[in-house]
Protein backbone atom coordinates (compact mmCIF):
# COMPACT_ATOMS: atom_id res chain seq x y z
CA MET A 1 70.09 61.16 30.26
CA SER A 2 73.38 62.17 28.68
CA LYS A 3 75.43 59.94 26.42
CA TYR A 4 78.65 61.33 27.95
CA ARG A 5 80.16 59.84 31.03
CA ILE A 6 82.15 61.89 33.54
CA ILE A 7 85.39 60.23 34.55
CA LYS A 8 86.91 61.45 37.78
CA PRO A 9 90.70 61.43 38.10
CA ALA A 10 92.18 59.03 40.62
CA SER A 11 93.02 60.77 43.85
CA ALA A 12 96.47 60.64 45.42
CA HIS A 13 95.02 58.85 48.43
CA ASP A 14 93.70 55.94 46.41
CA LYS A 15 96.55 53.43 46.65
CA SER A 16 95.91 49.84 45.76
CA ARG A 17 98.63 48.56 48.12
CA ASP A 18 96.84 50.08 51.12
CA LYS A 19 93.86 47.83 50.45
CA SER A 20 95.78 44.69 51.34
CA GLN A 21 94.10 42.22 53.59
CA GLY A 22 95.39 41.28 56.99
CA MET A 23 98.28 42.58 58.98
CA ALA A 24 101.57 43.56 57.37
CA ILE A 25 104.69 41.62 58.38
CA ILE A 26 106.28 44.68 59.97
CA GLU A 27 103.18 45.29 62.10
CA LEU A 28 103.16 41.67 63.19
CA LEU A 29 106.87 41.72 64.10
CA TRP A 30 106.60 44.94 66.12
CA THR A 31 103.45 43.74 67.90
CA ALA A 32 104.90 40.35 68.83
CA GLY A 33 108.25 41.81 69.85
CA MET A 34 106.79 44.54 72.02
CA THR A 35 104.30 42.15 73.62
CA ILE A 36 106.97 39.64 74.63
CA GLY A 37 109.46 42.34 75.57
CA THR A 38 107.13 44.31 77.83
CA TYR A 39 105.82 41.14 79.44
CA LEU A 40 109.33 39.97 80.31
CA VAL A 41 110.34 43.40 81.62
CA ALA A 42 107.15 43.60 83.69
CA GLU A 43 107.73 40.07 85.01
CA ALA A 44 111.26 40.99 86.10
CA THR A 45 110.48 44.40 87.60
CA LEU A 46 106.98 43.93 89.03
CA ILE A 47 107.60 40.76 91.03
CA ALA A 48 105.54 41.90 94.02
CA ARG A 49 102.52 42.89 91.92
CA PRO A 50 99.67 40.55 90.96
CA HIS A 51 100.07 38.59 87.75
CA PHE A 52 97.35 40.46 85.83
CA VAL A 53 99.52 43.60 85.99
CA HIS A 54 102.08 41.78 83.85
CA TRP A 55 99.39 40.96 81.30
CA LEU A 56 98.21 44.58 81.28
CA ALA A 57 101.80 45.66 80.60
CA ALA A 58 101.98 43.15 77.75
CA LEU A 59 98.70 44.50 76.34
CA GLY A 60 100.10 48.02 76.47
CA GLY A 61 103.23 46.81 74.70
CA ALA A 62 101.15 45.09 72.03
CA ILE A 63 99.18 48.25 71.34
CA GLY A 64 102.38 50.30 71.26
CA GLY A 65 104.04 47.77 68.96
CA TYR A 66 101.11 47.83 66.57
CA VAL A 67 101.19 51.63 66.44
CA ILE A 68 104.95 51.63 65.76
CA GLY A 69 104.55 48.93 63.08
CA TRP A 70 101.67 50.78 61.43
CA THR A 71 103.66 54.02 61.41
CA TRP A 72 106.66 52.19 59.95
CA LYS A 73 104.50 50.65 57.21
CA ARG A 74 102.97 54.00 56.31
CA SER A 75 106.34 55.79 56.12
CA ARG A 76 108.74 53.13 54.79
CA GLY A 77 106.53 50.33 53.50
CA ASP A 78 106.45 46.69 54.49
CA VAL A 79 109.62 44.67 54.90
CA LEU A 80 108.74 42.14 52.19
């Protein structure tokens, strides 16, 4: 066993702020906004369709909102 220890340099991808717990505020805002927005638009435009179609539209909006919020956080950082 050697008495010397090898120290590896920190990689550029090792960011301590990316290890935060929970959802960032910007992700939460985009997800909530897109969920409510797509549900209301689906409710207004898909009146003749069954109600579960409105919920599927809201789910699609929530997923889209999360992706937009995640992309925003990665490129510009969180709002707070």
